Amino acid sequence: MATHVVTGAFSYTGKYITRLLLAEGHTVRTLTGHPRPGDPLSKNVETFPLDFSDRDGLTRVLRGADTLFNTYWVRFPKGKTTFERAVENSRTLIGAAAAAARRLVHVSITNANSQSPLPYFRGKGLVEEAIADSGLSYAILRPTVIFGVEDILLNNIAWSVRRFPIMPIPGDGAYELQPIFVEDLAALAVEAVAGEDRAVMDAVGPERYSYRDLVRLIADAVGVRPRLLKLPADVALGMSRRLGMLLRDTMLTRDEVKGLTAGLLVSGEPPRGRTSLREWARGNADLLGRTYASEVARHYR
């Protein structure tokens, strides 16, 4: 059995990767900015600070590790947290891994591109380039929307349709996305430990939905029938911003809307996830949207 390091072992994707590694008998360390001593995983995971100002400290934690599983990123800029800073932080972490670990398994996004006009996708692309230049053995997984009990986007769609009779749809809603179940993504990440190859692969589920049909699917699962109101993308984004101000959160970002409408959240590769979102939503309807999931509360406070 080996020692592996996971960024954010108590957060969303990192938690599922950590559970699988522990179940296989591996030793797990985590680099995290959100230590949770009360988390059930904490007694089985060695916890260290994800301090990008201390590259030597990061290297020490990674020393002797087989693989670094990197889930670090930011969904949107806030205060001193910017995409540019996230790229620099990622380069620091990659450099530490190159000095201390054998392999890097990195969670990116479909259609990451360093030349993208969208800062989120551009930043992800720059990080992928840094990994390619690092000299490390690596696997880059490119998911779209990751669904699961702790998901924010789909949960908050369910929260909205439970509470409001009208659901704004940016544009015509015909643009597609291809969500993957978080446990399927975690399994792909753990499988990617083996080997010395340099691999870049899309990690998407077996079903493609238009955004309009995705909202209908979630509404049907929770037993409501809101009116779907097609609006210009900027108008729908403005409405989400106003509601977000009341909730002290960012519900939807411009990059997310533009990425969706540009078709960046689907893949031309065969699906590697197996779990049906439709079946999962039906089986978890009682949990979906019962409470609002705040990105700011989770990661910025």
C-alpha atoms as a PDB file:
ATOM      1  CA  MET A   1       0.000   0.000   0.000  1.00  0.00           C
ATOM      2  CA  ALA A   2       1.149   3.546  -0.732  1.00  0.00           C
ATOM      3  CA  THR A   3       0.959   7.010   0.758  1.00  0.00           C
ATOM      4  CA  HIS A   4      -1.053   9.567  -1.209  1.00  0.00           C
ATOM      5  CA  VAL A   5      -1.782  13.258  -0.703  1.00  0.00           C
ATOM      6  CA  VAL A   6      -5.197  14.762  -1.467  1.00  0.00           C
ATOM      7  CA  THR A   7      -5.917  18.479  -1.524  1.00  0.00           C
ATOM      8  CA  GLY A   8      -9.167  19.174   0.314  1.00  0.00           C
ATOM      9  CA  ALA A   9      -9.848  15.711   1.732  1.00  0.00           C
ATOM     10  CA  PHE A  10     -12.801  17.094   3.719  1.00  0.00           C
ATOM     11  CA  SER A  11     -14.343  18.976   0.800  1.00  0.00           C
ATOM     12  CA  TYR A  12     -16.473  17.718  -2.089  1.00  0.00           C
ATOM     13  CA  THR A  13     -14.484  15.755  -4.679  1.00  0.00           C
ATOM     14  CA  GLY A  14     -11.498  15.271  -2.390  1.00  0.00           C
ATOM     15  CA  LYS A  15     -13.639  13.523   0.204  1.00  0.00           C
ATOM     16  CA  TYR A  16     -14.754  10.807  -2.208  1.00  0.00           C
ATOM     17  CA  ILE A  17     -11.212  10.263  -3.488  1.00  0.00           C
ATOM     18  CA  THR A  18      -9.999   9.979   0.110  1.00  0.00           C
ATOM     19  CA  ARG A  19     -12.687   7.459   1.032  1.00  0.00           C
ATOM     20  CA  LEU A  20     -11.712   5.209  -1.872  1.00  0.00           C
ATOM     21  CA  LEU A  21      -8.007   5.407  -1.050  1.00  0.00           C
ATOM     22  CA  LEU A  22      -8.633   4.542   2.600  1.00  0.00           C
ATOM     23  CA  ALA A  23     -10.932   1.680   1.607  1.00  0.00           C
ATOM     24  CA  GLU A  24      -8.064   0.247  -0.460  1.00  0.00           C
ATOM     25  CA  GLY A  25      -5.758   0.405   2.566  1.00  0.00           C
ATOM     26  CA  HIS A  26      -3.624   3.385   1.541  1.00  0.00           C
ATOM     27  CA  THR A  27      -2.246   6.056   3.844  1.00  0.00           C
ATOM     28  CA  VAL A  28      -3.712   9.499   3.099  1.00  0.00           C
ATOM     29  CA  ARG A  29      -2.410  12.945   3.931  1.00  0.00           C
ATOM     30  CA  THR A  30      -4.348  16.073   3.100  1.00  0.00           C
ATOM     31  CA  LEU A  31      -3.336  19.624   2.312  1.00  0.00           C
ATOM     32  CA  THR A  32      -6.298  21.800   3.203  1.00  0.00           C
ATOM     33  CA  GLY A  33      -7.291  25.339   4.011  1.00  0.00           C
ATOM     34  CA  HIS A  34     -10.384  24.034   5.792  1.00  0.00           C
ATOM     35  CA  PRO A  35      -9.346  21.544   8.505  1.00  0.00           C
ATOM     36  CA  ARG A  36     -12.305  19.835  10.144  1.00  0.00           C
ATOM     37  CA  PRO A  37     -11.284  18.009  13.325  1.00  0.00           C
ATOM     38  CA  GLY A  38     -14.846  16.772  13.792  1.00  0.00           C
ATOM     39  CA  ASP A  39     -15.081  15.203  10.336  1.00  0.00           C
ATOM     40  CA  PRO A  40     -15.265  11.369  10.511  1.00  0.00           C
ATOM     41  CA  LEU A  41     -12.399  11.182   8.004  1.00  0.00           C
ATOM     42  CA  SER A  42     -10.053  13.278  10.152  1.00  0.00           C
ATOM     43  CA  LYS A  43      -9.043  10.418  12.458  1.00  0.00           C
ATOM     44  CA  ASN A  44      -7.765   8.455   9.459  1.00  0.00           C
ATOM     45  CA  VAL A  45      -6.102  11.304   7.559  1.00  0.00           C
ATOM     46  CA  GLU A  46      -2.956  13.258   8.391  1.00  0.00           C
ATOM     47  CA  THR A  47      -3.864  16.936   8.030  1.00  0.00           C
ATOM     48  CA  PHE A  48      -1.473  19.699   6.937  1.00  0.00           C
ATOM     49  CA  PRO A  49      -2.068  23.336   5.897  1.00  0.00           C
ATOM     50  CA  LEU A  50      -2.418  24.167   2.209  1.00  0.00           C
ATOM     51  CA  ASP A  51      -0.089  27.153   2.584  1.00  0.00           C
ATOM     52  CA  PHE A  52       1.055  28.337  -0.830  1.00  0.00           C
ATOM     53  CA  SER A  53       3.473  30.811   0.743  1.00  0.00           C
ATOM     54  CA  ASP A  54       5.479  27.870   2.130  1.00  0.00           C
ATOM     55  CA  ARG A  55       6.625  25.796  -0.828  1.00  0.00           C
ATOM     56  CA  ASP A  56       9.202  23.992   1.321  1.00  0.00           C
ATOM     57  CA  GLY A  57       6.423  22.995   3.711  1.00  0.00           C
ATOM     58  CA  LEU A  58       4.312  21.658   0.848  1.00  0.00           C
ATOM     59  CA  THR A  59       7.311  19.681  -0.400  1.00  0.00           C
ATOM     60  CA  ARG A  60       7.856  18.155   3.037  1.00  0.00           C
ATOM     61  CA  VAL A  61       4.249  16.953   3.186  1.00  0.00           C
ATOM     62  CA  LEU A  62       4.560  15.471  -0.306  1.00  0.00           C
ATOM     63  CA  ARG A  63       7.930  13.832   0.385  1.00  0.00           C
ATOM     64  CA  GLY A  64       7.575  10.075   0.099  1.00  0.00           C
ATOM     65  CA  ALA A  65       4.071  10.266  -1.383  1.00  0.00           C
ATOM     66  CA  ASP A  66       3.281   8.252  -4.468  1.00  0.00           C
ATOM     67  CA  THR A  67       0.561  10.505  -5.903  1.00  0.00           C
ATOM     68  CA  LEU A  68      -0.821  13.977  -5.332  1.00  0.00           C
ATOM     69  CA  PHE A  69      -4.544  14.226  -6.091  1.00  0.00           C
ATOM     70  CA  ASN A  70      -5.154  17.886  -6.828  1.00  0.00           C
ATOM     71  CA  THR A  71      -8.703  19.222  -6.596  1.00  0.00           C
ATOM     72  CA  TYR A  72      -7.680  22.806  -5.719  1.00  0.00           C
ATOM     73  CA  TRP A  73      -9.321  25.615  -7.673  1.00  0.00           C
ATOM     74  CA  VAL A  74     -11.650  28.585  -7.152  1.00  0.00           C
ATOM     75  CA  ARG A  75     -15.102  28.859  -8.678  1.00  0.00           C
ATOM     76  CA  PHE A  76     -15.049  32.671  -8.872  1.00  0.00           C
ATOM     77  CA  PRO A  77     -12.823  35.535  -7.736  1.00  0.00           C
ATOM     78  CA  LYS A  78     -13.543  37.167  -4.385  1.00  0.00           C
ATOM     79  CA  GLY A  79     -11.338  39.680  -2.602  1.00  0.00           C
ATOM     80  CA  LYS A  80      -7.696  38.647  -2.888  1.00  0.00           C
ATOM     81  CA  THR A  81      -8.758  35.303  -4.309  1.00  0.00           C
ATOM     82  CA  THR A  82      -8.482  35.635  -8.091  1.00  0.00           C
ATOM     83  CA  PHE A  83      -8.045  33.228 -10.969  1.00  0.00           C
ATOM     84  CA  GLU A  84      -4.554  34.636 -11.514  1.00  0.00           C
ATOM     85  CA  ARG A  85      -3.657  33.879  -7.892  1.00  0.00           C
ATOM     86  CA  ALA A  86      -5.172  30.402  -8.204  1.00  0.00           C
ATOM     87  CA  VAL A  87      -2.931  29.716 -11.216  1.00  0.00           C
ATOM     88  CA  GLU A  88       0.163  30.853  -9.311  1.00  0.00           C
ATOM     89  CA  ASN A  89      -0.851  28.803  -6.281  1.00  0.00           C
ATOM     90  CA  SER A  90      -1.313  25.775  -8.521  1.00  0.00           C
ATOM     91  CA  ARG A  91       2.139  26.273 -10.042  1.00  0.00           C
ATOM     92  CA  THR A  92       3.635  26.352  -6.547  1.00  0.00           C
ATOM     93  CA  LEU A  93       1.883  23.109  -5.641  1.00  0.00           C
ATOM     94  CA  ILE A  94       2.909  21.450  -8.918  1.00  0.00           C
ATOM     95  CA  GLY A  95       6.514  22.452  -8.310  1.00  0.00           C
ATOM     96  CA  ALA A  96       6.412  20.922  -4.836  1.00  0.00           C
ATOM     97  CA  ALA A  97       4.927  17.722  -6.262  1.00  0.00           C
ATOM     98  CA  ALA A  98       7.604  17.549  -8.964  1.00  0.00           C
ATOM     99  CA  ALA A  99      10.267  17.665  -6.248  1.00  0.00           C
ATOM    100  CA  ALA A 100       8.693  15.050  -3.996  1.00  0.00           C
ATOM    101  CA  ALA A 101       6.021  12.792  -5.538  1.00  0.00           C
ATOM    102  CA  ARG A 102       5.894  10.225  -8.328  1.00  0.00           C
ATOM    103  CA  ARG A 103       2.615  11.151 -10.002  1.00  0.00           C
ATOM    104  CA  LEU A 104      -0.062  13.844 -10.141  1.00  0.00           C
ATOM    105  CA  VAL A 105      -3.767  13.229 -10.724  1.00  0.00           C
ATOM    106  CA  HIS A 106      -5.383  16.582 -11.422  1.00  0.00           C
ATOM    107  CA  VAL A 107      -9.068  17.514 -11.664  1.00  0.00           C
ATOM    108  CA  SER A 108      -9.548  20.110 -14.421  1.00  0.00           C
ATOM    109  CA  ILE A 109     -12.587  20.836 -16.632  1.00  0.00           C
ATOM    110  CA  THR A 110     -13.712  19.956 -20.143  1.00  0.00           C
ATOM    111  CA  ASN A 111     -12.379  22.303 -22.808  1.00  0.00           C
ATOM    112  CA  ALA A 112      -9.784  23.917 -20.547  1.00  0.00           C
ATOM    113  CA  ASN A 113      -7.752  26.216 -22.787  1.00  0.00           C
ATOM    114  CA  SER A 114      -5.040  28.734 -21.918  1.00  0.00           C
ATOM    115  CA  GLN A 115      -6.269  30.911 -24.799  1.00  0.00           C
ATOM    116  CA  SER A 116      -9.925  30.911 -23.731  1.00  0.00           C
ATOM    117  CA  PRO A 117     -11.621  34.313 -23.373  1.00  0.00           C
ATOM    118  CA  LEU A 118     -13.296  32.947 -20.220  1.00  0.00           C
ATOM    119  CA  PRO A 119     -11.048  33.387 -17.145  1.00  0.00           C
ATOM    120  CA  TYR A 120     -12.190  30.147 -15.490  1.00  0.00           C
ATOM    121  CA  PHE A 121     -11.401  27.979 -18.512  1.00  0.00           C
ATOM    122  CA  ARG A 122      -8.238  29.972 -19.310  1.00  0.00           C
ATOM    123  CA  GLY A 123      -6.903  29.495 -15.787  1.00  0.00           C
ATOM    124  CA  LYS A 124      -7.607  25.776 -15.912  1.00  0.00           C
ATOM    125  CA  GLY A 125      -5.756  25.606 -19.229  1.00  0.00           C
ATOM    126  CA  LEU A 126      -2.729  27.415 -17.812  1.00  0.00           C
ATOM    127  CA  VAL A 127      -2.579  24.948 -14.937  1.00  0.00           C
ATOM    128  CA  GLU A 128      -2.718  22.028 -17.379  1.00  0.00           C
ATOM    129  CA  GLU A 129       0.229  23.541 -19.256  1.00  0.00           C
ATOM    130  CA  ALA A 130       2.183  23.871 -16.009  1.00  0.00           C
ATOM    131  CA  ILE A 131       1.550  20.197 -15.283  1.00  0.00           C
ATOM    132  CA  ALA A 132       2.701  19.196 -18.774  1.00  0.00           C
ATOM    133  CA  ASP A 133       5.932  21.172 -18.263  1.00  0.00           C
ATOM    134  CA  SER A 134       6.601  19.823 -14.756  1.00  0.00           C
ATOM    135  CA  GLY A 135       8.337  16.579 -15.674  1.00  0.00           C
ATOM    136  CA  LEU A 136       5.835  14.643 -13.550  1.00  0.00           C
ATOM    137  CA  SER A 137       3.963  11.552 -14.581  1.00  0.00           C
ATOM    138  CA  TYR A 138       0.348  12.749 -14.624  1.00  0.00           C
ATOM    139  CA  ALA A 139      -3.285  12.131 -15.413  1.00  0.00           C
ATOM    140  CA  ILE A 140      -5.582  15.106 -16.010  1.00  0.00           C
ATOM    141  CA  LEU A 141      -9.297  14.411 -15.611  1.00  0.00           C
ATOM    142  CA  ARG A 142     -11.661  16.854 -17.281  1.00  0.00           C
ATOM    143  CA  PRO A 143     -15.158  16.674 -15.772  1.00  0.00           C
ATOM    144  CA  THR A 144     -18.110  18.930 -16.512  1.00  0.00           C
ATOM    145  CA  VAL A 145     -20.689  19.400 -13.747  1.00  0.00           C
ATOM    146  CA  ILE A 146     -20.072  16.988 -10.865  1.00  0.00           C
ATOM    147  CA  PHE A 147     -23.276  15.870  -9.169  1.00  0.00           C
ATOM    148  CA  GLY A 148     -23.755  14.353  -5.725  1.00  0.00           C
ATOM    149  CA  VAL A 149     -25.383  15.046  -2.379  1.00  0.00           C
ATOM    150  CA  GLU A 150     -22.938  17.897  -1.644  1.00  0.00           C
ATOM    151  CA  ASP A 151     -23.149  19.482  -5.104  1.00  0.00           C
ATOM    152  CA  ILE A 152     -23.927  23.188  -5.201  1.00  0.00           C
ATOM    153  CA  LEU A 153     -25.232  23.875  -8.732  1.00  0.00           C
ATOM    154  CA  LEU A 154     -27.845  21.129  -9.029  1.00  0.00           C
ATOM    155  CA  ASN A 155     -28.842  21.412  -5.375  1.00  0.00           C
ATOM    156  CA  ASN A 156     -29.525  25.107  -5.808  1.00  0.00           C
ATOM    157  CA  ILE A 157     -31.557  24.525  -8.957  1.00  0.00           C
ATOM    158  CA  ALA A 158     -33.683  22.172  -6.832  1.00  0.00           C
ATOM    159  CA  TRP A 159     -33.803  24.755  -4.032  1.00  0.00           C
ATOM    160  CA  SER A 160     -35.011  27.397  -6.500  1.00  0.00           C
ATOM    161  CA  VAL A 161     -37.721  25.304  -8.159  1.00  0.00           C
ATOM    162  CA  ARG A 162     -39.021  24.223  -4.753  1.00  0.00           C
ATOM    163  CA  ARG A 163     -39.522  27.850  -3.737  1.00  0.00           C
ATOM    164  CA  PHE A 164     -40.349  29.882  -6.835  1.00  0.00           C
ATOM    165  CA  PRO A 165     -43.100  29.337  -9.436  1.00  0.00           C
ATOM    166  CA  ILE A 166     -40.890  30.707 -12.235  1.00  0.00           C
ATOM    167  CA  MET A 167     -37.385  29.501 -13.124  1.00  0.00           C
ATOM    168  CA  PRO A 168     -35.320  31.831 -15.339  1.00  0.00           C
ATOM    169  CA  ILE A 169     -33.440  30.089 -18.161  1.00  0.00           C
ATOM    170  CA  PRO A 170     -30.470  31.938 -19.718  1.00  0.00           C
ATOM    171  CA  GLY A 171     -30.993  32.092 -23.469  1.00  0.00           C
ATOM    172  CA  ASP A 172     -32.959  29.330 -25.171  1.00  0.00           C
ATOM    173  CA  GLY A 173     -31.808  26.616 -22.750  1.00  0.00           C
ATOM    174  CA  ALA A 174     -30.968  24.264 -25.637  1.00  0.00           C
ATOM    175  CA  TYR A 175     -27.229  24.158 -24.884  1.00  0.00           C
ATOM    176  CA  GLU A 176     -26.106  20.874 -23.381  1.00  0.00           C
ATOM    177  CA  LEU A 177     -24.134  19.565 -20.434  1.00  0.00           C
ATOM    178  CA  GLN A 178     -22.979  16.087 -19.500  1.00  0.00           C
ATOM    179  CA  PRO A 179     -22.818  15.691 -15.695  1.00  0.00           C
ATOM    180  CA  ILE A 180     -20.743  13.026 -13.934  1.00  0.00           C
ATOM    181  CA  PHE A 181     -21.468  11.465 -10.542  1.00  0.00           C
ATOM    182  CA  VAL A 182     -18.874  12.392  -7.909  1.00  0.00           C
ATOM    183  CA  GLU A 183     -18.252   8.736  -6.990  1.00  0.00           C
ATOM    184  CA  ASP A 184     -17.595   7.890 -10.647  1.00  0.00           C
ATOM    185  CA  LEU A 185     -15.101  10.747 -10.893  1.00  0.00           C
ATOM    186  CA  ALA A 186     -13.368   9.630  -7.686  1.00  0.00           C
ATOM    187  CA  ALA A 187     -13.078   6.098  -9.034  1.00  0.00           C
ATOM    188  CA  LEU A 188     -11.491   7.391 -12.250  1.00  0.00           C
ATOM    189  CA  ALA A 189      -9.031   9.444 -10.198  1.00  0.00           C
ATOM    190  CA  VAL A 190      -7.962   6.479  -8.080  1.00  0.00           C
ATOM    191  CA  GLU A 191      -7.674   4.237 -11.144  1.00  0.00           C
ATOM    192  CA  ALA A 192      -5.387   6.860 -12.721  1.00  0.00           C
ATOM    193  CA  VAL A 193      -2.713   6.254 -10.060  1.00  0.00           C
ATOM    194  CA  ALA A 194      -1.400   3.238 -11.950  1.00  0.00           C
ATOM    195  CA  GLY A 195       1.181   3.739 -14.653  1.00  0.00           C
ATOM    196  CA  GLU A 196       3.710   6.329 -15.698  1.00  0.00           C
ATOM    197  CA  ASP A 197       1.852   7.700 -18.696  1.00  0.00           C
ATOM    198  CA  ARG A 198       0.833  11.280 -19.302  1.00  0.00           C
ATOM    199  CA  ALA A 199      -2.898  11.197 -19.901  1.00  0.00           C
ATOM    200  CA  VAL A 200      -5.554  13.851 -20.474  1.00  0.00           C
ATOM    201  CA  MET A 201      -9.112  12.550 -20.556  1.00  0.00           C
ATOM    202  CA  ASP A 202     -12.631  13.900 -20.347  1.00  0.00           C
ATOM    203  CA  ALA A 203     -14.582  12.554 -17.377  1.00  0.00           C
ATOM    204  CA  VAL A 204     -18.272  12.794 -18.213  1.00  0.00           C
ATOM    205  CA  GLY A 205     -21.428  10.846 -17.461  1.00  0.00           C
ATOM    206  CA  PRO A 206     -23.502   8.649 -19.763  1.00  0.00           C
ATOM    207  CA  GLU A 207     -26.291  11.203 -20.385  1.00  0.00           C
ATOM    208  CA  ARG A 208     -26.429  14.557 -22.130  1.00  0.00           C
ATOM    209  CA  TYR A 209     -29.131  17.063 -21.255  1.00  0.00           C
ATOM    210  CA  SER A 210     -30.072  20.452 -22.539  1.00  0.00           C
ATOM    211  CA  TYR A 211     -30.037  22.908 -19.660  1.00  0.00           C
ATOM    212  CA  ARG A 212     -33.782  23.313 -20.066  1.00  0.00           C
ATOM    213  CA  ASP A 213     -34.326  19.543 -19.784  1.00  0.00           C
ATOM    214  CA  LEU A 214     -31.946  19.341 -16.818  1.00  0.00           C
ATOM    215  CA  VAL A 215     -34.039  21.862 -14.896  1.00  0.00           C
ATOM    216  CA  ARG A 216     -37.203  19.929 -15.809  1.00  0.00           C
ATOM    217  CA  LEU A 217     -35.587  16.680 -14.671  1.00  0.00           C
ATOM    218  CA  ILE A 218     -34.717  18.140 -11.272  1.00  0.00           C
ATOM    219  CA  ALA A 219     -38.140  19.762 -10.899  1.00  0.00           C
ATOM    220  CA  ASP A 220     -39.867  16.465 -11.729  1.00  0.00           C
ATOM    221  CA  ALA A 221     -37.669  14.609  -9.237  1.00  0.00           C
ATOM    222  CA  VAL A 222     -38.676  16.927  -6.374  1.00  0.00           C
ATOM    223  CA  GLY A 223     -42.319  16.970  -7.471  1.00  0.00           C
ATOM    224  CA  VAL A 224     -42.846  20.530  -8.706  1.00  0.00           C
ATOM    225  CA  ARG A 225     -43.666  22.099 -12.067  1.00  0.00           C
ATOM    226  CA  PRO A 226     -42.316  25.635 -12.312  1.00  0.00           C
ATOM    227  CA  ARG A 227     -42.735  27.751 -15.414  1.00  0.00           C
ATOM    228  CA  LEU A 228     -39.446  27.944 -17.294  1.00  0.00           C
ATOM    229  CA  LEU A 229     -38.910  31.521 -18.455  1.00  0.00           C
ATOM    230  CA  LYS A 230     -36.410  32.036 -21.275  1.00  0.00           C
ATOM    231  CA  LEU A 231     -34.522  35.293 -20.821  1.00  0.00           C
ATOM    232  CA  PRO A 232     -31.499  36.958 -22.420  1.00  0.00           C
ATOM    233  CA  ALA A 233     -28.444  35.541 -20.686  1.00  0.00           C
ATOM    234  CA  ASP A 234     -27.468  38.901 -19.159  1.00  0.00           C
ATOM    235  CA  VAL A 235     -30.960  39.405 -17.744  1.00  0.00           C
ATOM    236  CA  ALA A 236     -31.019  35.921 -16.185  1.00  0.00           C
ATOM    237  CA  LEU A 237     -27.547  36.498 -14.775  1.00  0.00           C
ATOM    238  CA  GLY A 238     -28.650  39.824 -13.307  1.00  0.00           C
ATOM    239  CA  MET A 239     -31.605  38.157 -11.606  1.00  0.00           C
ATOM    240  CA  SER A 240     -29.352  35.500 -10.083  1.00  0.00           C
ATOM    241  CA  ARG A 241     -27.012  38.214  -8.840  1.00  0.00           C
ATOM    242  CA  ARG A 242     -29.809  40.052  -7.077  1.00  0.00           C
ATOM    243  CA  LEU A 243     -30.998  36.879  -5.383  1.00  0.00           C
ATOM    244  CA  GLY A 244     -27.388  36.057  -4.562  1.00  0.00           C
ATOM    245  CA  MET A 245     -27.030  39.401  -2.785  1.00  0.00           C
ATOM    246  CA  LEU A 246     -29.944  38.486  -0.532  1.00  0.00           C
ATOM    247  CA  LEU A 247     -28.346  35.110   0.149  1.00  0.00           C
ATOM    248  CA  ARG A 248     -24.840  36.633   0.522  1.00  0.00           C
ATOM    249  CA  ASP A 249     -23.567  34.300  -2.148  1.00  0.00           C
ATOM    250  CA  THR A 250     -22.797  34.042  -5.871  1.00  0.00           C
ATOM    251  CA  MET A 251     -25.382  31.726  -7.424  1.00  0.00           C
ATOM    252  CA  LEU A 252     -24.187  31.835 -11.014  1.00  0.00           C
ATOM    253  CA  THR A 253     -21.186  33.410 -12.719  1.00  0.00           C
ATOM    254  CA  ARG A 254     -20.751  34.947 -16.159  1.00  0.00           C
ATOM    255  CA  ASP A 255     -18.131  32.314 -17.024  1.00  0.00           C
ATOM    256  CA  GLU A 256     -20.571  29.552 -16.111  1.00  0.00           C
ATOM    257  CA  VAL A 257     -23.308  31.008 -18.294  1.00  0.00           C
ATOM    258  CA  LYS A 258     -20.968  31.631 -21.220  1.00  0.00           C
ATOM    259  CA  GLY A 259     -19.354  28.229 -20.846  1.00  0.00           C
ATOM    260  CA  LEU A 260     -22.765  26.565 -20.854  1.00  0.00           C
ATOM    261  CA  THR A 261     -24.130  28.482 -23.813  1.00  0.00           C
ATOM    262  CA  ALA A 262     -20.909  27.917 -25.779  1.00  0.00           C
ATOM    263  CA  GLY A 263     -21.229  24.140 -25.360  1.00  0.00           C
ATOM    264  CA  LEU A 264     -18.080  23.768 -23.251  1.00  0.00           C
ATOM    265  CA  LEU A 265     -19.650  21.364 -20.749  1.00  0.00           C
ATOM    266  CA  VAL A 266     -20.044  18.396 -23.080  1.00  0.00           C
ATOM    267  CA  SER A 267     -17.491  15.985 -24.484  1.00  0.00           C
ATOM    268  CA  GLY A 268     -16.793  14.318 -27.790  1.00  0.00           C
ATOM    269  CA  GLU A 269     -15.147  11.393 -25.987  1.00  0.00           C
ATOM    270  CA  PRO A 270     -16.941   8.233 -24.836  1.00  0.00           C
ATOM    271  CA  PRO A 271     -18.485   8.654 -21.378  1.00  0.00           C
ATOM    272  CA  ARG A 272     -16.358   7.263 -18.544  1.00  0.00           C
ATOM    273  CA  GLY A 273     -18.973   7.727 -15.820  1.00  0.00           C
ATOM    274  CA  ARG A 274     -21.723   5.137 -15.437  1.00  0.00           C
ATOM    275  CA  THR A 275     -24.259   6.640 -13.060  1.00  0.00           C
ATOM    276  CA  SER A 276     -27.499   8.057 -14.473  1.00  0.00           C
ATOM    277  CA  LEU A 277     -28.315  11.525 -13.193  1.00  0.00           C
ATOM    278  CA  ARG A 278     -32.012  10.857 -13.796  1.00  0.00           C
ATOM    279  CA  GLU A 279     -32.007   7.746 -11.609  1.00  0.00           C
ATOM    280  CA  TRP A 280     -29.788   9.375  -8.981  1.00  0.00           C
ATOM    281  CA  ALA A 281     -32.069  12.429  -8.752  1.00  0.00           C
ATOM    282  CA  ARG A 282     -35.135  10.239  -8.278  1.00  0.00           C
ATOM    283  CA  GLY A 283     -33.410   8.268  -5.539  1.00  0.00           C
ATOM    284  CA  ASN A 284     -32.187  11.393  -3.728  1.00  0.00           C
ATOM    285  CA  ALA A 285     -35.171  13.708  -4.260  1.00  0.00           C
ATOM    286  CA  ASP A 286     -35.781  14.087  -0.526  1.00  0.00           C
ATOM    287  CA  LEU A 287     -32.304  15.605  -0.115  1.00  0.00           C
ATOM    288  CA  LEU A 288     -32.196  17.814  -3.205  1.00  0.00           C
ATOM    289  CA  GLY A 289     -32.767  21.488  -2.556  1.00  0.00           C
ATOM    290  CA  ARG A 290     -34.015  21.187   1.030  1.00  0.00           C
ATOM    291  CA  THR A 291     -31.505  23.823   2.068  1.00  0.00           C
ATOM    292  CA  TYR A 292     -29.519  26.364   0.082  1.00  0.00           C
ATOM    293  CA  ALA A 293     -25.847  25.465  -0.514  1.00  0.00           C
ATOM    294  CA  SER A 294     -23.621  28.551  -0.279  1.00  0.00           C
ATOM    295  CA  GLU A 295     -20.301  28.621  -2.136  1.00  0.00           C
ATOM    296  CA  VAL A 296     -19.176  31.620  -0.108  1.00  0.00           C
ATOM    297  CA  ALA A 297     -19.978  29.935   3.200  1.00  0.00           C
ATOM    298  CA  ARG A 298     -18.116  26.788   2.194  1.00  0.00           C
ATOM    299  CA  HIS A 299     -14.946  28.230   0.730  1.00  0.00           C
ATOM    300  CA  TYR A 300     -14.610  31.939   1.424  1.00  0.00           C
ATOM    301  CA  ARG A 301     -15.464  32.293   5.125  1.00  0.00           C
END
